[in-house]
Amino acid sequence: MPIMQEAQTIYGYLPKEVQIYIAEKLEIPAEEVYGVATFYSMFNLSPKGKYQISVCLGTACYVKGSKDILDKICQILDIKPGECTPDGLFSIEACRCIGACGLAPVMMVNDTDVYGRLKVSEVEEIIEKYKNREKREENENMG
């Protein structure tokens, strides 16, 4: 596991080629490495975006419309849950519970920014906020 964690730190996720390389070097079947990678939620098998969006699909959130919010985000970003935008800016995940049921429906960005009592009509503005933040950072780095 420590080798896999280090590899994920380097690559941001565990590509299939890296899993095979680890298995070869440890002289174990690649299936064992894959089994560990899929068992533990800390490992990612696909790239994650700079802004990782999690939409809660737990019971309280689902009943209050979180599936519609997830669908709207996927539509705006043109990706499916588990995918990353081609520019590497956004990735989206559906999760079971964020632990903020009283704020349902809830969406989180990077485990730090929580958006509760969310409406589908607010989603586009939130995503634009992060796109604009990225543009500002790019401009600051160029100037």
N, C-alpha and C. Protein backbone atom coordinates (compact mmCIF):
# COMPACT_ATOMS: atom_id res chain seq x y z
N MET A 1 0.81 -1.21 0.00
CA MET A 1 0.00 0.00 0.00
C MET A 1 0.85 1.27 0.00
N PRO A 2 1.94 1.34 0.77
CA PRO A 2 2.75 2.56 0.73
C PRO A 2 3.32 2.85 -0.66
N ILE A 3 3.66 1.81 -1.39
CA ILE A 3 4.18 2.01 -2.75
C ILE A 3 3.07 2.56 -3.65
N MET A 4 1.88 2.02 -3.49
CA MET A 4 0.76 2.49 -4.29
C MET A 4 0.40 3.94 -3.93
N GLN A 5 0.48 4.26 -2.64
CA GLN A 5 0.21 5.64 -2.21
C GLN A 5 1.23 6.60 -2.80
N GLU A 6 2.48 6.20 -2.80
CA GLU A 6 3.54 7.05 -3.37
C GLU A 6 3.32 7.23 -4.87
N ALA A 7 2.97 6.16 -5.56
CA ALA A 7 2.71 6.25 -7.00
C ALA A 7 1.54 7.19 -7.26
N GLN A 8 0.50 7.09 -6.45
CA GLN A 8 -0.64 7.98 -6.64
C GLN A 8 -0.27 9.43 -6.37
N THR A 9 0.62 9.66 -5.42
CA THR A 9 1.09 11.02 -5.14
C THR A 9 1.80 11.59 -6.37
N ILE A 10 2.56 10.76 -7.04
CA ILE A 10 3.31 11.19 -8.22
C ILE A 10 2.39 11.44 -9.41
N TYR A 11 1.49 10.49 -9.68
CA TYR A 11 0.65 10.57 -10.88
C TYR A 11 -0.71 11.22 -10.65
N GLY A 12 -1.14 11.30 -9.40
CA GLY A 12 -2.46 11.84 -9.10
C GLY A 12 -3.54 10.77 -9.10
N TYR A 13 -3.20 9.61 -9.62
CA TYR A 13 -4.09 8.45 -9.65
C TYR A 13 -3.22 7.24 -9.97
N LEU A 14 -3.83 6.06 -10.08
CA LEU A 14 -3.05 4.84 -10.36
C LEU A 14 -3.41 4.30 -11.74
N PRO A 15 -2.70 4.77 -12.77
CA PRO A 15 -2.97 4.24 -14.12
C PRO A 15 -2.69 2.74 -14.17
N LYS A 16 -3.32 2.06 -15.10
CA LYS A 16 -3.17 0.62 -15.25
C LYS A 16 -1.70 0.23 -15.42
N GLU A 17 -0.96 1.01 -16.20
CA GLU A 17 0.45 0.72 -16.46
C GLU A 17 1.27 0.77 -15.17
N VAL A 18 0.94 1.69 -14.30
CA VAL A 18 1.64 1.83 -13.02
C VAL A 18 1.31 0.64 -12.11
N GLN A 19 0.05 0.22 -12.12
CA GLN A 19 -0.33 -0.95 -11.33
C GLN A 19 0.44 -2.19 -11.79
N ILE A 20 0.55 -2.35 -13.09
CA ILE A 20 1.29 -3.50 -13.65
C ILE A 20 2.76 -3.42 -13.26
N TYR A 21 3.34 -2.23 -13.35
CA TYR A 21 4.75 -2.04 -12.99
C TYR A 21 4.99 -2.39 -11.52
N ILE A 22 4.11 -1.92 -10.65
CA ILE A 22 4.22 -2.22 -9.21
C ILE A 22 4.15 -3.73 -8.99
N ALA A 23 3.20 -4.38 -9.65
CA ALA A 23 3.04 -5.83 -9.50
C ALA A 23 4.30 -6.57 -9.95
N GLU A 24 4.87 -6.14 -11.08
CA GLU A 24 6.08 -6.79 -11.59
C GLU A 24 7.24 -6.62 -10.62
N LYS A 25 7.41 -5.42 -10.11
CA LYS A 25 8.53 -5.15 -9.20
C LYS A 25 8.37 -5.89 -7.86
N LEU A 26 7.13 -6.05 -7.42
CA LEU A 26 6.87 -6.76 -6.16
C LEU A 26 6.72 -8.27 -6.37
N GLU A 27 6.73 -8.65 -7.63
CA GLU A 27 6.58 -10.06 -8.00
C GLU A 27 5.30 -10.66 -7.45
N ILE A 28 4.21 -9.93 -7.67
CA ILE A 28 2.88 -10.40 -7.29
C ILE A 28 1.96 -10.22 -8.50
N PRO A 29 0.85 -10.94 -8.55
CA PRO A 29 -0.07 -10.77 -9.68
C PRO A 29 -0.65 -9.35 -9.73
N ALA A 30 -0.79 -8.83 -10.94
CA ALA A 30 -1.37 -7.50 -11.12
C ALA A 30 -2.78 -7.43 -10.53
N GLU A 31 -3.47 -8.56 -10.50
CA GLU A 31 -4.82 -8.60 -9.94
C GLU A 31 -4.82 -8.23 -8.46
N GLU A 32 -3.76 -8.57 -7.75
CA GLU A 32 -3.68 -8.22 -6.33
C GLU A 32 -3.55 -6.71 -6.14
N VAL A 33 -2.73 -6.08 -6.97
CA VAL A 33 -2.57 -4.63 -6.90
C VAL A 33 -3.90 -3.97 -7.23
N TYR A 34 -4.54 -4.44 -8.29
CA TYR A 34 -5.84 -3.90 -8.69
C TYR A 34 -6.88 -4.12 -7.58
N GLY A 35 -6.85 -5.27 -6.95
CA GLY A 35 -7.78 -5.58 -5.87
C GLY A 35 -7.65 -4.61 -4.70
N VAL A 36 -6.41 -4.29 -4.34
CA VAL A 36 -6.17 -3.32 -3.27
C VAL A 36 -6.64 -1.94 -3.71
N ALA A 37 -6.32 -1.57 -4.95
CA ALA A 37 -6.68 -0.24 -5.47
C ALA A 37 -8.19 -0.04 -5.52
N THR A 38 -8.93 -1.10 -5.80
CA THR A 38 -10.38 -0.95 -5.88
C THR A 38 -11.06 -1.13 -4.53
N PHE A 39 -10.40 -1.81 -3.60
CA PHE A 39 -10.99 -2.02 -2.27
C PHE A 39 -10.93 -0.75 -1.43
N TYR A 40 -9.81 -0.05 -1.45
CA TYR A 40 -9.63 1.13 -0.61
C TYR A 40 -10.03 2.40 -1.38
N SER A 41 -10.92 3.18 -0.78
CA SER A 41 -11.44 4.37 -1.45
C SER A 41 -10.39 5.47 -1.60
N MET A 42 -9.26 5.36 -0.91
CA MET A 42 -8.21 6.38 -1.03
C MET A 42 -7.52 6.34 -2.39
N PHE A 43 -7.66 5.22 -3.11
CA PHE A 43 -7.00 5.10 -4.40
C PHE A 43 -7.94 5.49 -5.53
N ASN A 44 -7.39 6.19 -6.52
CA ASN A 44 -8.15 6.62 -7.68
C ASN A 44 -7.62 5.90 -8.91
N LEU A 45 -8.52 5.36 -9.71
CA LEU A 45 -8.12 4.67 -10.92
C LEU A 45 -8.21 5.55 -12.16
N SER A 46 -8.70 6.76 -11.97
CA SER A 46 -8.78 7.71 -13.08
C SER A 46 -8.33 9.08 -12.57
N PRO A 47 -7.89 9.94 -13.48
CA PRO A 47 -7.41 11.26 -13.06
C PRO A 47 -8.52 12.07 -12.38
N LYS A 48 -8.12 12.92 -11.45
CA LYS A 48 -9.04 13.81 -10.77
C LYS A 48 -8.74 15.24 -11.20
N GLY A 49 -9.78 16.06 -11.23
CA GLY A 49 -9.60 17.44 -11.63
C GLY A 49 -9.06 18.30 -10.50
N LYS A 50 -8.62 19.47 -10.86
CA LYS A 50 -8.17 20.43 -9.85
C LYS A 50 -9.32 20.73 -8.89
N TYR A 51 -10.52 20.80 -9.44
CA TYR A 51 -11.73 21.02 -8.64
C TYR A 51 -12.53 19.72 -8.67
N GLN A 52 -12.52 19.00 -7.56
CA GLN A 52 -13.20 17.71 -7.45
C GLN A 52 -14.58 17.93 -6.84
N ILE A 53 -15.59 17.74 -7.66
CA ILE A 53 -16.97 17.96 -7.24
C ILE A 53 -17.58 16.65 -6.76
N SER A 54 -18.16 16.67 -5.58
CA SER A 54 -18.87 15.51 -5.03
C SER A 54 -20.32 15.91 -4.81
N VAL A 55 -21.23 15.14 -5.35
CA VAL A 55 -22.66 15.38 -5.14
C VAL A 55 -23.19 14.23 -4.30
N CYS A 56 -23.82 14.57 -3.19
CA CYS A 56 -24.36 13.56 -2.29
C CYS A 56 -25.63 12.96 -2.88
N LEU A 57 -25.65 11.63 -2.94
CA LEU A 57 -26.85 10.92 -3.37
C LEU A 57 -27.44 10.09 -2.23
N GLY A 58 -27.10 10.47 -0.99
CA GLY A 58 -27.70 9.83 0.17
C GLY A 58 -29.19 10.09 0.18
N THR A 59 -29.92 9.40 1.01
CA THR A 59 -31.38 9.46 0.99
C THR A 59 -31.94 10.88 1.09
N ALA A 60 -31.51 11.64 2.08
CA ALA A 60 -32.06 12.99 2.27
C ALA A 60 -31.78 13.87 1.06
N CYS A 61 -30.56 13.81 0.55
CA CYS A 61 -30.20 14.63 -0.61
C CYS A 61 -30.94 14.17 -1.87
N TYR A 62 -31.01 12.86 -2.04
CA TYR A 62 -31.67 12.31 -3.23
C TYR A 62 -33.14 12.73 -3.28
N VAL A 63 -33.81 12.61 -2.13
CA VAL A 63 -35.22 12.97 -2.06
C VAL A 63 -35.43 14.44 -2.38
N LYS A 64 -34.44 15.26 -2.06
CA LYS A 64 -34.57 16.71 -2.29
C LYS A 64 -33.96 17.15 -3.62
N GLY A 65 -33.62 16.19 -4.50
CA GLY A 65 -33.26 16.55 -5.87
C GLY A 65 -31.79 16.52 -6.24
N SER A 66 -30.96 15.83 -5.48
CA SER A 66 -29.53 15.84 -5.80
C SER A 66 -29.21 15.16 -7.13
N LYS A 67 -30.04 14.20 -7.54
CA LYS A 67 -29.80 13.54 -8.85
C LYS A 67 -29.92 14.55 -9.98
N ASP A 68 -30.87 15.47 -9.88
CA ASP A 68 -31.03 16.51 -10.90
C ASP A 68 -29.82 17.45 -10.90
N ILE A 69 -29.28 17.71 -9.73
CA ILE A 69 -28.08 18.55 -9.61
C ILE A 69 -26.90 17.85 -10.27
N LEU A 70 -26.73 16.58 -9.97
CA LEU A 70 -25.65 15.79 -10.58
C LEU A 70 -25.79 15.80 -12.10
N ASP A 71 -26.99 15.57 -12.59
CA ASP A 71 -27.23 15.56 -14.04
C ASP A 71 -26.89 16.91 -14.67
N LYS A 72 -27.23 17.99 -13.99
CA LYS A 72 -26.95 19.34 -14.51
C LYS A 72 -25.44 19.58 -14.59
N ILE A 73 -24.71 19.19 -13.56
CA ILE A 73 -23.26 19.35 -13.56
C ILE A 73 -22.65 18.55 -14.71
N CYS A 74 -23.09 17.32 -14.86
CA CYS A 74 -22.59 16.47 -15.95
C CYS A 74 -22.88 17.10 -17.31
N GLN A 75 -24.05 17.69 -17.45
CA GLN A 75 -24.42 18.35 -18.70
C GLN A 75 -23.52 19.56 -18.96
N ILE A 76 -23.31 20.39 -17.96
CA ILE A 76 -22.49 21.59 -18.12
C ILE A 76 -21.05 21.23 -18.46
N LEU A 77 -20.49 20.25 -17.75
CA LEU A 77 -19.09 19.90 -17.93
C LEU A 77 -18.87 18.87 -19.04
N ASP A 78 -19.95 18.27 -19.53
CA ASP A 78 -19.90 17.26 -20.57
C ASP A 78 -19.05 16.05 -20.17
N ILE A 79 -19.23 15.63 -18.92
CA ILE A 79 -18.57 14.42 -18.41
C ILE A 79 -19.58 13.63 -17.58
N LYS A 80 -19.22 12.39 -17.30
CA LYS A 80 -20.05 11.52 -16.46
C LYS A 80 -19.39 11.38 -15.09
N PRO A 81 -20.16 10.94 -14.09
CA PRO A 81 -19.54 10.70 -12.78
C PRO A 81 -18.34 9.75 -12.92
N GLY A 82 -17.25 10.10 -12.23
CA GLY A 82 -16.03 9.33 -12.30
C GLY A 82 -15.07 9.82 -13.36
N GLU A 83 -15.49 10.81 -14.14
CA GLU A 83 -14.65 11.33 -15.21
C GLU A 83 -14.08 12.70 -14.86
N CYS A 84 -13.11 13.11 -15.67
CA CYS A 84 -12.44 14.39 -15.52
C CYS A 84 -12.55 15.14 -16.84
N THR A 85 -12.72 16.46 -16.78
CA THR A 85 -12.79 17.25 -18.01
C THR A 85 -11.43 17.18 -18.72
N PRO A 86 -11.43 17.28 -20.05
CA PRO A 86 -10.17 17.17 -20.80
C PRO A 86 -9.10 18.17 -20.36
N ASP A 87 -9.51 19.33 -19.87
CA ASP A 87 -8.54 20.33 -19.42
C ASP A 87 -8.01 20.05 -18.02
N GLY A 88 -8.53 19.00 -17.37
CA GLY A 88 -8.06 18.63 -16.03
C GLY A 88 -8.58 19.53 -14.93
N LEU A 89 -9.53 20.38 -15.25
CA LEU A 89 -10.03 21.35 -14.28
C LEU A 89 -11.07 20.77 -13.33
N PHE A 90 -12.01 19.96 -13.84
CA PHE A 90 -13.09 19.44 -13.02
C PHE A 90 -13.20 17.92 -13.13
N SER A 91 -13.53 17.30 -12.02
CA SER A 91 -13.96 15.90 -12.02
C SER A 91 -15.20 15.84 -11.14
N ILE A 92 -16.00 14.82 -11.37
CA ILE A 92 -17.26 14.70 -10.63
C ILE A 92 -17.45 13.29 -10.11
N GLU A 93 -17.93 13.22 -8.88
CA GLU A 93 -18.23 11.95 -8.24
C GLU A 93 -19.59 12.05 -7.56
N ALA A 94 -20.31 10.94 -7.59
CA ALA A 94 -21.52 10.81 -6.79
C ALA A 94 -21.10 10.09 -5.51
N CYS A 95 -21.47 10.61 -4.38
CA CYS A 95 -21.10 9.94 -3.12
C CYS A 95 -22.36 9.59 -2.34
N ARG A 96 -22.21 8.73 -1.36
CA ARG A 96 -23.36 8.23 -0.60
C ARG A 96 -23.82 9.18 0.49
N CYS A 97 -22.92 9.82 1.20
CA CYS A 97 -23.35 10.75 2.25
C CYS A 97 -22.20 11.69 2.59
N ILE A 98 -22.48 12.96 2.61
CA ILE A 98 -21.48 13.96 2.98
C ILE A 98 -21.57 14.24 4.47
N GLY A 99 -22.71 13.91 5.08
CA GLY A 99 -22.88 14.13 6.51
C GLY A 99 -23.49 15.48 6.84
N ALA A 100 -24.16 16.06 5.86
CA ALA A 100 -24.81 17.35 6.08
C ALA A 100 -26.28 17.25 5.65
N CYS A 101 -26.94 16.25 6.14
CA CYS A 101 -28.32 15.95 5.72
C CYS A 101 -29.27 17.11 5.94
N GLY A 102 -29.04 17.89 6.97
CA GLY A 102 -29.89 19.05 7.25
C GLY A 102 -29.78 20.13 6.20
N LEU A 103 -28.74 20.05 5.35
CA LEU A 103 -28.55 21.03 4.28
C LEU A 103 -28.92 20.46 2.91
N ALA A 104 -29.55 19.31 2.88
CA ALA A 104 -29.86 18.62 1.63
C ALA A 104 -30.64 19.51 0.65
N PRO A 105 -30.31 19.36 -0.63
CA PRO A 105 -29.24 18.58 -1.25
C PRO A 105 -27.90 19.31 -1.17
N VAL A 106 -26.82 18.52 -1.09
CA VAL A 106 -25.49 19.07 -0.84
C VAL A 106 -24.50 18.66 -1.93
N MET A 107 -23.63 19.62 -2.24
CA MET A 107 -22.52 19.40 -3.17
C MET A 107 -21.27 19.95 -2.50
N MET A 108 -20.15 19.27 -2.70
CA MET A 108 -18.88 19.74 -2.15
C MET A 108 -17.87 19.86 -3.27
N VAL A 109 -16.98 20.85 -3.14
CA VAL A 109 -15.86 21.00 -4.07
C VAL A 109 -14.59 20.90 -3.25
N ASN A 110 -13.74 19.95 -3.61
CA ASN A 110 -12.44 19.72 -2.96
C ASN A 110 -12.53 19.49 -1.46
N ASP A 111 -13.59 18.90 -1.01
CA ASP A 111 -13.75 18.59 0.42
C ASP A 111 -13.67 19.82 1.31
N THR A 112 -13.73 21.02 0.74
CA THR A 112 -13.63 22.23 1.55
C THR A 112 -14.81 23.18 1.36
N ASP A 113 -15.31 23.28 0.15
CA ASP A 113 -16.41 24.20 -0.14
C ASP A 113 -17.72 23.41 -0.19
N VAL A 114 -18.62 23.70 0.74
CA VAL A 114 -19.89 22.98 0.83
C VAL A 114 -21.02 23.90 0.38
N TYR A 115 -21.86 23.36 -0.52
CA TYR A 115 -23.01 24.09 -1.02
C TYR A 115 -24.25 23.32 -0.62
N GLY A 116 -25.04 23.89 0.28
CA GLY A 116 -26.22 23.22 0.78
C GLY A 116 -27.50 23.90 0.33
N ARG A 117 -28.59 23.15 0.48
CA ARG A 117 -29.91 23.60 0.04
C ARG A 117 -29.84 24.10 -1.41
N LEU A 118 -29.10 23.34 -2.18
CA LEU A 118 -28.77 23.70 -3.55
C LEU A 118 -29.95 23.53 -4.49
N LYS A 119 -30.03 24.43 -5.45
CA LYS A 119 -31.04 24.35 -6.50
C LYS A 119 -30.33 24.15 -7.83
N VAL A 120 -30.96 23.44 -8.73
CA VAL A 120 -30.38 23.19 -10.05
C VAL A 120 -30.00 24.52 -10.72
N SER A 121 -30.81 25.53 -10.52
CA SER A 121 -30.57 26.84 -11.14
C SER A 121 -29.29 27.52 -10.64
N GLU A 122 -28.72 27.06 -9.53
CA GLU A 122 -27.50 27.67 -8.97
C GLU A 122 -26.21 26.99 -9.45
N VAL A 123 -26.35 25.82 -10.03
CA VAL A 123 -25.18 25.00 -10.37
C VAL A 123 -24.25 25.70 -11.36
N GLU A 124 -24.80 26.25 -12.41
CA GLU A 124 -23.97 26.86 -13.45
C GLU A 124 -23.15 28.02 -12.88
N GLU A 125 -23.75 28.83 -12.04
CA GLU A 125 -23.05 29.96 -11.42
C GLU A 125 -21.89 29.49 -10.54
N ILE A 126 -22.09 28.40 -9.82
CA ILE A 126 -21.04 27.85 -8.97
C ILE A 126 -19.86 27.36 -9.81
N ILE A 127 -20.15 26.64 -10.88
CA ILE A 127 -19.08 26.16 -11.75
C ILE A 127 -18.34 27.33 -12.39
N GLU A 128 -19.07 28.34 -12.81
CA GLU A 128 -18.44 29.54 -13.39
C GLU A 128 -17.49 30.21 -12.40
N LYS A 129 -17.85 30.18 -11.13
CA LYS A 129 -17.00 30.76 -10.09
C LYS A 129 -15.61 30.11 -10.11
N TYR A 130 -15.58 28.79 -10.24
CA TYR A 130 -14.30 28.07 -10.26
C TYR A 130 -13.56 28.28 -11.58
N LYS A 131 -14.30 28.38 -12.67
CA LYS A 131 -13.65 28.68 -13.96
C LYS A 131 -13.02 30.06 -13.91
N ASN A 132 -13.73 31.03 -13.34
CA ASN A 132 -13.19 32.39 -13.23
C ASN A 132 -11.99 32.44 -12.30
N ARG A 133 -12.03 31.67 -11.22
CA ARG A 133 -10.90 31.60 -10.30
C ARG A 133 -9.66 31.10 -11.04
N GLU A 134 -9.88 30.10 -11.87
CA GLU A 134 -8.77 29.54 -12.66
C GLU A 134 -8.20 30.58 -13.61
N LYS A 135 -9.06 31.33 -14.26
CA LYS A 135 -8.61 32.38 -15.19
C LYS A 135 -7.81 33.44 -14.44
N ARG A 136 -8.28 33.83 -13.25
CA ARG A 136 -7.55 34.82 -12.45
C ARG A 136 -6.16 34.31 -12.09
N GLU A 137 -6.09 33.04 -11.67
CA GLU A 137 -4.80 32.45 -11.30
C GLU A 137 -3.86 32.40 -12.49
N GLU A 138 -4.38 32.07 -13.67
CA GLU A 138 -3.56 32.03 -14.87
C GLU A 138 -3.02 33.43 -15.19
N ASN A 139 -3.88 34.44 -15.09
CA ASN A 139 -3.46 35.81 -15.37
C ASN A 139 -2.41 36.28 -14.38
N GLU A 140 -2.57 35.92 -13.10
CA GLU A 140 -1.59 36.30 -12.08
C GLU A 140 -0.24 35.63 -12.35
N ASN A 141 -0.27 34.39 -12.81
CA ASN A 141 0.97 33.68 -13.09
C ASN A 141 1.68 34.21 -14.33
N MET A 142 0.91 34.78 -15.26
CA MET A 142 1.49 35.32 -16.48
C MET A 142 2.06 36.72 -16.26
N GLY A 143 1.49 37.43 -15.31
CA GLY A 143 1.86 38.84 -15.11
C GLY A 143 2.81 38.98 -14.02
